[in-house]
Amino acid sequence: MGLPGIHEWQHWLSLPLALIYFLALGANTLIVITVHHEHNLHQPMYQFLSILAIVDIGLATTIMPKILAIFWFDVKAISLPECFTQIYAVHCFIIMESGIFLCMAVDRYVAICHPLQYSSIVTEAFVVKATVFMVLRNVLLTIPVLIFRSVLRLNSTEAIVKALSTCSSHLILIFFFYTAIVVVSIAHLAGKAVPIFPVLLNVLNIVIPPALNPMVYALRAQELSIGFQRVFGLDKNVSQK
């Protein structure tokens, strides 16, 4: 077991992979702590983001400890039950991640198309039910399409720009998630010529999105950035809301 044809330089490859993995763990843990710590972030959008962070931690952890063990300690053996459990966990977390994207899309759709009813529709009970649905439900792509359609039907350019800004972070994450899946699918076509290529992309597909997701929201969501500063005590002048 392992990545074919890279035994001579696998230790060097392990360094960036380990860095990405620990970045994913740290960034997503920071989001969970910040959302829990800051009362002004106890909103459905950030609660969904916190759930996404937990799912990302689980997704990255399904394979990276074993990959690093192979690279660092040459522990290549894996039993059939362990292999089955790992495959099952990877697919479960990928399905859960696509489900949370759907929940976040519904949240942004209601915020854009029904802003006056948002607080009465997207409640804590809604978040709980949506989370259960996320765990049980597979991929649905119709809600992001509805968001685009609703945004483009707005009357003014200013309203369109504001609406796109509201859901831009979510759309970026959707783009990352499904682009990675498409790239990995195409890479398998080249697998016979370059065996390591699809295997390496599969690993990167699992560990890179969990590392990028927190960065997207940290850069796009001002409230979350302020929350980070409060958690680390970097901004004593930020008033508590």
Protein backbone atom coordinates (compact mmCIF):
# COMPACT_ATOMS: atom_id res chain seq x y z
CA MET A 1 0.00 0.00 0.00
CA GLY A 2 1.15 3.57 -0.64
CA LEU A 3 1.96 5.84 -3.56
CA PRO A 4 3.62 3.94 -6.42
CA GLY A 5 7.04 4.92 -7.72
CA ILE A 6 8.00 7.57 -5.14
CA HIS A 7 9.86 5.60 -2.48
CA GLU A 8 13.03 7.63 -2.99
CA TRP A 9 11.42 11.01 -2.30
CA GLN A 10 8.33 10.14 -0.26
CA HIS A 11 9.80 11.80 2.85
CA TRP A 12 10.01 15.12 1.00
CA LEU A 13 6.43 14.75 -0.24
CA SER A 14 5.30 14.10 3.32
CA LEU A 15 6.36 17.60 4.44
CA PRO A 16 3.86 19.65 2.37
CA LEU A 17 1.13 17.06 2.98
CA ALA A 18 1.73 17.22 6.73
CA LEU A 19 1.73 21.02 6.60
CA ILE A 20 -1.59 21.10 4.73
CA TYR A 21 -3.09 18.55 7.13
CA PHE A 22 -2.05 20.41 10.28
CA LEU A 23 -3.20 23.67 8.70
CA ALA A 24 -6.61 22.10 8.08
CA LEU A 25 -6.80 20.85 11.67
CA GLY A 26 -5.71 24.17 13.17
CA ALA A 27 -7.83 26.44 10.98
CA ASN A 28 -11.02 24.40 11.35
CA THR A 29 -10.52 23.99 15.10
CA LEU A 30 -10.09 27.76 15.34
CA ILE A 31 -13.39 28.29 13.53
CA VAL A 32 -15.24 25.91 15.88
CA ILE A 33 -13.75 27.61 18.96
CA THR A 34 -14.42 31.12 17.63
CA VAL A 35 -18.05 30.44 16.70
CA HIS A 36 -18.63 28.83 20.11
CA HIS A 37 -16.86 31.64 21.98
CA GLU A 38 -18.39 34.67 20.22
CA HIS A 39 -22.10 35.20 20.94
CA ASN A 40 -22.56 37.44 17.90
CA LEU A 41 -21.56 34.46 15.73
CA HIS A 42 -24.37 32.30 17.10
CA GLN A 43 -26.22 32.69 13.82
CA PRO A 44 -27.30 29.96 11.38
CA MET A 45 -24.67 30.87 8.77
CA TYR A 46 -21.81 30.55 11.25
CA GLN A 47 -23.34 27.51 12.94
CA PHE A 48 -23.38 25.77 9.57
CA LEU A 49 -19.79 26.90 9.04
CA SER A 50 -18.83 25.39 12.40
CA ILE A 51 -20.45 22.09 11.39
CA LEU A 52 -18.57 22.23 8.07
CA ALA A 53 -15.32 22.72 10.01
CA ILE A 54 -16.01 19.60 12.10
CA VAL A 55 -16.79 17.60 8.96
CA ASP A 56 -13.59 18.87 7.32
CA ILE A 57 -11.54 17.77 10.33
CA GLY A 58 -13.09 14.31 10.08
CA LEU A 59 -12.57 14.12 6.31
CA ALA A 60 -8.89 15.07 6.47
CA THR A 61 -8.28 12.71 9.40
CA THR A 62 -9.73 9.67 7.62
CA ILE A 63 -6.60 9.16 5.52
CA MET A 64 -3.82 11.61 6.46
CA PRO A 65 -2.58 9.85 9.65
CA LYS A 66 -2.22 6.61 7.66
CA ILE A 67 -0.56 8.42 4.72
CA LEU A 68 1.95 10.07 7.06
CA ALA A 69 2.57 6.76 8.83
CA ILE A 70 3.43 5.22 5.46
CA PHE A 71 5.78 8.06 4.55
CA TRP A 72 7.50 8.42 7.93
CA PHE A 73 7.50 4.93 9.41
CA ASP A 74 6.97 2.74 6.32
CA VAL A 75 3.85 1.24 7.91
CA LYS A 76 2.20 0.01 4.73
CA ALA A 77 0.14 -2.90 6.03
CA ILE A 78 -3.60 -2.44 6.47
CA SER A 79 -6.21 -5.06 7.27
CA LEU A 80 -9.35 -5.55 5.22
CA PRO A 81 -11.66 -4.25 8.01
CA GLU A 82 -9.45 -1.16 8.43
CA CYS A 83 -9.47 -0.54 4.68
CA PHE A 84 -13.24 -0.93 4.50
CA THR A 85 -13.73 1.38 7.48
CA GLN A 86 -11.48 4.02 5.92
CA ILE A 87 -13.30 3.90 2.57
CA TYR A 88 -16.67 4.05 4.32
CA ALA A 89 -15.59 7.03 6.45
CA VAL A 90 -14.24 8.95 3.44
CA HIS A 91 -17.48 8.53 1.51
CA CYS A 92 -19.59 9.41 4.56
CA PHE A 93 -17.69 12.65 5.18
CA ILE A 94 -17.79 13.62 1.49
CA ILE A 95 -21.56 13.08 1.44
CA MET A 96 -21.90 15.05 4.67
CA GLU A 97 -19.81 17.89 3.23
CA SER A 98 -21.98 18.10 0.12
CA GLY A 99 -25.01 18.05 2.43
CA ILE A 100 -23.75 20.95 4.54
CA PHE A 101 -23.11 22.92 1.34
CA LEU A 102 -26.76 22.35 0.49
CA CYS A 103 -27.84 23.57 3.94
CA MET A 104 -25.65 26.66 3.61
CA ALA A 105 -27.10 27.30 0.15
CA VAL A 106 -30.64 27.16 1.55
CA ASP A 107 -29.61 29.60 4.28
CA ARG A 108 -28.20 32.09 1.73
CA TYR A 109 -31.20 31.58 -0.59
CA VAL A 110 -33.64 32.53 2.17
CA ALA A 111 -31.45 35.48 3.22
CA ILE A 112 -31.41 36.85 -0.34
CA CYS A 113 -34.92 36.02 -1.56
CA HIS A 114 -36.91 36.31 1.69
CA PRO A 115 -34.91 38.63 3.98
CA LEU A 116 -37.93 39.78 5.99
CA GLN A 117 -38.89 36.20 6.84
CA TYR A 118 -35.32 35.00 7.37
CA SER A 119 -35.35 35.01 11.18
CA SER A 120 -38.65 33.14 11.28
CA ILE A 121 -37.62 30.54 8.69
CA VAL A 122 -33.97 29.88 9.55
CA THR A 123 -34.26 29.18 13.28
CA GLU A 124 -32.25 26.97 15.64
CA ALA A 125 -34.76 24.19 15.02
CA PHE A 126 -34.13 24.61 11.28
CA VAL A 127 -30.38 24.29 11.84
CA VAL A 128 -30.85 21.08 13.85
CA LYS A 129 -33.21 19.56 11.28
CA ALA A 130 -30.95 20.64 8.41
CA THR A 131 -27.95 19.07 10.12
CA VAL A 132 -29.78 15.77 10.52
CA PHE A 133 -30.83 16.02 6.88
CA MET A 134 -27.21 16.73 5.92
CA VAL A 135 -26.06 13.52 7.57
CA LEU A 136 -28.73 11.44 5.86
CA ARG A 137 -28.95 13.08 2.45
CA ASN A 138 -26.69 12.96 -0.61
CA VAL A 139 -25.72 15.63 -3.11
CA LEU A 140 -28.28 18.14 -4.46
CA LEU A 141 -27.17 20.86 -6.87
CA THR A 142 -30.43 22.69 -7.50
CA ILE A 143 -30.26 25.23 -4.65
CA PRO A 144 -27.04 26.98 -5.84
CA VAL A 145 -28.63 27.25 -9.29
CA LEU A 146 -31.72 28.82 -7.74
CA ILE A 147 -29.50 31.31 -5.93
CA PHE A 148 -27.93 32.46 -9.19
CA ARG A 149 -31.29 32.67 -10.90
CA SER A 150 -32.84 34.69 -8.06
CA VAL A 151 -29.86 37.04 -7.85
CA LEU A 152 -29.86 37.77 -11.57
CA ARG A 153 -33.59 38.62 -11.44
CA LEU A 154 -33.05 41.43 -8.95
CA ASN A 155 -33.97 44.88 -10.18
CA SER A 156 -30.81 46.92 -9.58
CA THR A 157 -27.10 46.33 -10.14
CA GLU A 158 -26.41 47.38 -6.55
CA ALA A 159 -28.81 44.74 -5.24
CA ILE A 160 -27.19 42.06 -7.43
CA VAL A 161 -23.70 42.97 -6.20
CA LYS A 162 -24.87 42.94 -2.56
CA ALA A 163 -26.59 39.58 -3.00
CA LEU A 164 -23.56 38.03 -4.68
CA SER A 165 -21.37 39.36 -1.88
CA THR A 166 -23.70 37.71 0.65
CA CYS A 167 -23.31 34.24 -0.86
CA SER A 168 -19.87 34.57 -2.49
CA SER A 169 -18.05 32.55 0.19
CA HIS A 170 -20.48 29.69 -0.18
CA LEU A 171 -20.20 29.72 -3.98
CA ILE A 172 -16.39 29.68 -3.77
CA LEU A 173 -16.50 26.62 -1.50
CA ILE A 174 -18.93 24.90 -3.88
CA PHE A 175 -16.51 25.65 -6.73
CA PHE A 176 -13.55 24.18 -4.80
CA PHE A 177 -15.48 21.07 -3.80
CA TYR A 178 -16.87 20.05 -7.18
CA THR A 179 -13.84 21.19 -9.21
CA ALA A 180 -11.68 18.86 -7.12
CA ILE A 181 -14.08 15.98 -7.76
CA VAL A 182 -14.06 16.64 -11.53
CA VAL A 183 -10.26 16.91 -11.63
CA VAL A 184 -9.84 13.64 -9.73
CA SER A 185 -12.31 11.90 -12.06
CA ILE A 186 -10.42 13.10 -15.15
CA ALA A 187 -7.06 12.19 -13.57
CA HIS A 188 -8.09 8.54 -13.40
CA LEU A 189 -8.10 8.50 -17.21
CA ALA A 190 -4.35 9.17 -17.10
CA GLY A 191 -3.76 6.63 -14.36
CA LYS A 192 -2.32 3.96 -16.66
CA ALA A 193 0.39 6.27 -18.01
CA VAL A 194 1.28 7.90 -14.67
CA PRO A 195 0.09 5.65 -11.79
CA ILE A 196 0.98 8.12 -9.04
CA PHE A 197 -1.04 10.96 -10.58
CA PRO A 198 -4.62 9.88 -9.67
CA VAL A 199 -3.52 8.49 -6.30
CA LEU A 200 -1.81 11.74 -5.31
CA LEU A 201 -4.76 13.81 -6.52
CA ASN A 202 -7.13 11.65 -4.46
CA VAL A 203 -5.07 12.44 -1.35
CA LEU A 204 -4.94 16.16 -2.17
CA ASN A 205 -8.67 16.20 -2.90
CA ILE A 206 -9.35 15.03 0.64
CA VAL A 207 -6.89 17.26 2.50
CA ILE A 208 -6.79 20.54 0.51
CA PRO A 209 -10.49 21.59 0.66
CA PRO A 210 -10.55 21.32 4.49
CA ALA A 211 -7.50 23.61 4.55
CA LEU A 212 -8.95 26.14 2.08
CA ASN A 213 -12.51 26.35 3.43
CA PRO A 214 -11.60 28.25 6.65
CA MET A 215 -9.41 30.67 4.68
CA VAL A 216 -12.26 31.58 2.33
CA TYR A 217 -14.59 32.45 5.19
CA ALA A 218 -11.85 34.13 7.20
CA LEU A 219 -11.15 36.47 4.28
CA ARG A 220 -14.77 37.08 3.30
CA ALA A 221 -16.59 37.26 6.67
CA GLN A 222 -15.68 40.34 8.70
CA GLU A 223 -17.51 39.14 11.81
CA LEU A 224 -15.53 35.91 11.78
CA SER A 225 -12.24 37.80 11.38
CA ILE A 226 -13.14 39.97 14.37
CA GLY A 227 -14.01 36.83 16.31
CA PHE A 228 -10.56 35.39 15.56
CA GLN A 229 -8.96 38.57 16.91
CA ARG A 230 -10.98 38.33 20.13
CA VAL A 231 -10.12 34.67 20.66
CA PHE A 232 -6.40 35.45 20.37
CA GLY A 233 -6.73 38.73 22.26
CA LEU A 234 -5.26 40.66 19.33
CA ASP A 235 -7.91 43.38 19.28
CA LYS A 236 -8.78 44.70 22.73
CA ASN A 237 -10.68 47.60 21.22
CA VAL A 238 -13.32 45.50 19.48
CA SER A 239 -16.55 46.02 21.38
CA GLN A 240 -18.62 43.02 22.37
CA LYS A 241 -21.93 42.91 20.63
